[in-house]
Amino acid sequence: MKTSDKLMQIILVDDDTDDRLLFEEAFNELDSGENLTIFKDGREILDYLYTTTEIPDIVFLDLNMPILGGIDILREIRKDEKYQKLSVVIYSTSSAEKDIEDSLIAGANIYVKKPNDFETLKETLRKVIQMNWQFQSAELNRETFVFVV
């Protein structure tokens, strides 16, 4: 949630080229004015986070990626005190209970199943970007963890 006139810094980490392009197109159509940075794997995002002084506002992590999956990246991020309050969205095609449970335990703020259509993706992104993250983090439980548009 925006607390000033500063643009939100939003990051997507996804190894699938088509999913990255679709996400970026939906994000751009929102015309929110927020900044989007895209990484194609876990190593890229971790290298970025370890070398930047800026803390992003929201990070979307694809769950299933080679080498470092979303849960691995999330665990690594949560080890660093500086990123304890970072809003992390697990963004996945999976709706398996184990994936959802593992994401919750690892410290994700919400779990979003990748929408099947473009308009739903846009609406999902809009709602996630506008979400009151302080409330979302404070009231974390299984019912509020899985995000549904």
Protein backbone atom coordinates (compact mmCIF):
# COMPACT_ATOMS: atom_id res chain seq x y z
CA MET A 1 0.00 0.00 0.00
CA LYS A 2 1.28 3.43 -0.89
CA THR A 3 2.21 5.48 2.14
CA SER A 4 3.53 8.48 0.22
CA ASP A 5 3.84 9.79 -3.29
CA LYS A 6 6.72 7.37 -3.92
CA LEU A 7 6.03 4.83 -6.63
CA MET A 8 5.73 1.25 -5.48
CA GLN A 9 8.53 -1.08 -6.54
CA ILE A 10 7.05 -4.37 -7.68
CA ILE A 11 9.07 -7.40 -8.70
CA LEU A 12 8.10 -10.53 -10.61
CA VAL A 13 10.30 -13.62 -10.61
CA ASP A 14 9.17 -16.22 -13.15
CA ASP A 15 11.13 -18.59 -15.36
CA ASP A 16 8.38 -18.87 -18.00
CA THR A 17 8.77 -16.30 -20.79
CA ASP A 18 5.07 -16.35 -21.73
CA ASP A 19 3.99 -15.88 -18.10
CA ARG A 20 6.41 -12.97 -17.69
CA LEU A 21 5.13 -11.27 -20.85
CA LEU A 22 1.49 -11.78 -19.89
CA PHE A 23 2.10 -10.44 -16.37
CA GLU A 24 3.93 -7.42 -17.75
CA GLU A 25 1.19 -6.69 -20.30
CA ALA A 26 -1.54 -6.93 -17.65
CA PHE A 27 0.50 -4.77 -15.27
CA ASN A 28 1.05 -2.13 -17.97
CA GLU A 29 -2.64 -2.06 -18.86
CA LEU A 30 -3.45 -1.21 -15.25
CA ASP A 31 -1.59 2.04 -15.81
CA SER A 32 -1.02 2.22 -12.06
CA GLY A 33 2.14 4.26 -12.41
CA GLU A 34 3.99 1.74 -10.24
CA ASN A 35 7.38 0.33 -11.26
CA LEU A 36 7.75 -3.29 -12.34
CA THR A 37 11.06 -5.14 -12.48
CA ILE A 38 11.18 -8.68 -13.84
CA PHE A 39 13.68 -11.44 -13.14
CA LYS A 40 13.76 -14.85 -14.81
CA ASP A 41 15.21 -16.92 -11.96
CA GLY A 42 15.94 -17.07 -8.27
CA ARG A 43 19.63 -16.31 -8.55
CA GLU A 44 18.88 -13.01 -10.34
CA ILE A 45 16.47 -11.79 -7.66
CA LEU A 46 18.76 -12.78 -4.80
CA ASP A 47 21.76 -11.11 -6.44
CA TYR A 48 19.65 -7.98 -6.89
CA LEU A 49 18.37 -7.97 -3.29
CA TYR A 50 21.87 -8.50 -1.88
CA THR A 51 23.29 -5.57 -3.85
CA THR A 52 20.53 -2.94 -3.65
CA THR A 53 19.74 -0.57 -0.84
CA GLU A 54 16.12 -0.24 -2.01
CA ILE A 55 13.55 -2.60 -0.55
CA PRO A 56 10.81 -3.48 -3.02
CA ASP A 57 7.19 -3.16 -1.94
CA ILE A 58 5.89 -6.44 -3.37
CA VAL A 59 7.66 -9.49 -4.78
CA PHE A 60 5.73 -12.05 -6.85
CA LEU A 61 7.54 -15.41 -6.82
CA ASP A 62 6.68 -18.22 -9.20
CA LEU A 63 6.56 -21.40 -7.15
CA ASN A 64 8.00 -23.92 -9.61
CA MET A 65 11.30 -22.81 -11.11
CA PRO A 66 14.47 -24.82 -11.76
CA ILE A 67 17.44 -24.55 -9.37
CA LEU A 68 15.78 -22.11 -6.93
CA GLY A 69 12.01 -22.37 -6.66
CA GLY A 70 9.75 -19.79 -5.05
CA ILE A 71 9.88 -21.45 -1.61
CA ASP A 72 13.69 -21.58 -1.72
CA ILE A 73 13.88 -17.91 -2.64
CA LEU A 74 11.33 -17.01 0.02
CA ARG A 75 13.26 -18.84 2.74
CA GLU A 76 16.45 -17.07 1.68
CA ILE A 77 14.73 -13.67 1.69
CA ARG A 78 13.21 -14.23 5.14
CA LYS A 79 16.65 -15.04 6.61
CA ASP A 80 17.63 -11.39 6.12
CA GLU A 81 16.25 -9.12 8.81
CA LYS A 82 16.03 -6.27 6.31
CA TYR A 83 13.38 -8.21 4.36
CA GLN A 84 11.24 -9.44 7.25
CA LYS A 85 8.41 -7.05 6.36
CA LEU A 86 8.73 -7.42 2.59
CA SER A 87 5.38 -8.38 1.05
CA VAL A 88 5.83 -11.66 -0.81
CA VAL A 89 3.23 -13.23 -3.09
CA ILE A 90 3.64 -16.85 -4.16
CA TYR A 91 2.31 -16.81 -7.72
CA SER A 92 1.72 -20.29 -9.09
CA THR A 93 -0.31 -22.55 -11.37
CA SER A 94 -0.47 -25.04 -8.48
CA SER A 95 -3.43 -25.26 -6.16
CA ALA A 96 -2.01 -28.25 -4.28
CA GLU A 97 -2.57 -28.06 -0.53
CA LYS A 98 1.08 -28.96 0.15
CA ASP A 99 2.32 -26.03 -1.97
CA ILE A 100 -0.05 -23.64 -0.22
CA GLU A 101 0.91 -24.96 3.23
CA ASP A 102 4.65 -24.83 2.45
CA SER A 103 4.29 -21.24 1.22
CA LEU A 104 2.47 -20.18 4.37
CA ILE A 105 5.04 -21.86 6.63
CA ALA A 106 7.96 -20.33 4.68
CA GLY A 107 6.62 -16.82 5.29
CA ALA A 108 4.72 -15.75 2.18
CA ASN A 109 2.06 -13.10 2.73
CA ILE A 110 -0.42 -14.46 0.21
CA TYR A 111 -0.76 -17.25 -2.31
CA VAL A 112 -2.17 -16.41 -5.73
CA LYS A 113 -3.08 -19.05 -8.27
CA LYS A 114 -2.15 -17.78 -11.73
CA PRO A 115 -5.41 -16.74 -13.40
CA ASN A 116 -6.45 -18.50 -16.61
CA ASP A 117 -7.55 -15.36 -18.43
CA PHE A 118 -6.11 -11.92 -19.02
CA GLU A 119 -8.92 -9.87 -17.45
CA THR A 120 -8.81 -11.91 -14.25
CA LEU A 121 -5.04 -11.47 -14.15
CA LYS A 122 -5.44 -7.69 -14.44
CA GLU A 123 -8.06 -7.65 -11.68
CA THR A 124 -5.86 -9.84 -9.47
CA LEU A 125 -2.86 -7.56 -9.95
CA ARG A 126 -4.95 -4.47 -9.28
CA LYS A 127 -6.27 -5.89 -6.01
CA VAL A 128 -2.88 -7.16 -4.84
CA ILE A 129 -1.22 -3.81 -5.57
CA GLN A 130 -3.95 -1.92 -3.70
CA MET A 131 -4.04 -4.35 -0.77
CA ASN A 132 -3.50 -3.08 2.76
CA TRP A 133 -0.39 -5.15 3.43
CA GLN A 134 -0.15 -4.28 7.12
CA PHE A 135 -3.58 -5.79 7.70
CA GLN A 136 -2.82 -8.76 5.44
CA SER A 137 0.35 -9.58 7.38
CA ALA A 138 -1.21 -9.06 10.80
CA GLU A 139 -4.22 -11.25 10.10
CA LEU A 140 -2.38 -14.09 8.39
CA ASN A 141 -4.27 -17.38 8.45
CA ARG A 142 -5.21 -20.11 5.99
CA GLU A 143 -8.50 -18.42 5.00
CA THR A 144 -6.91 -15.06 4.16
CA PHE A 145 -3.70 -16.53 2.77
CA VAL A 146 -5.10 -17.92 -0.50
CA PHE A 147 -6.07 -14.90 -2.58
CA VAL A 148 -9.17 -15.20 -4.75
CA VAL A 149 -10.55 -12.51 -7.04
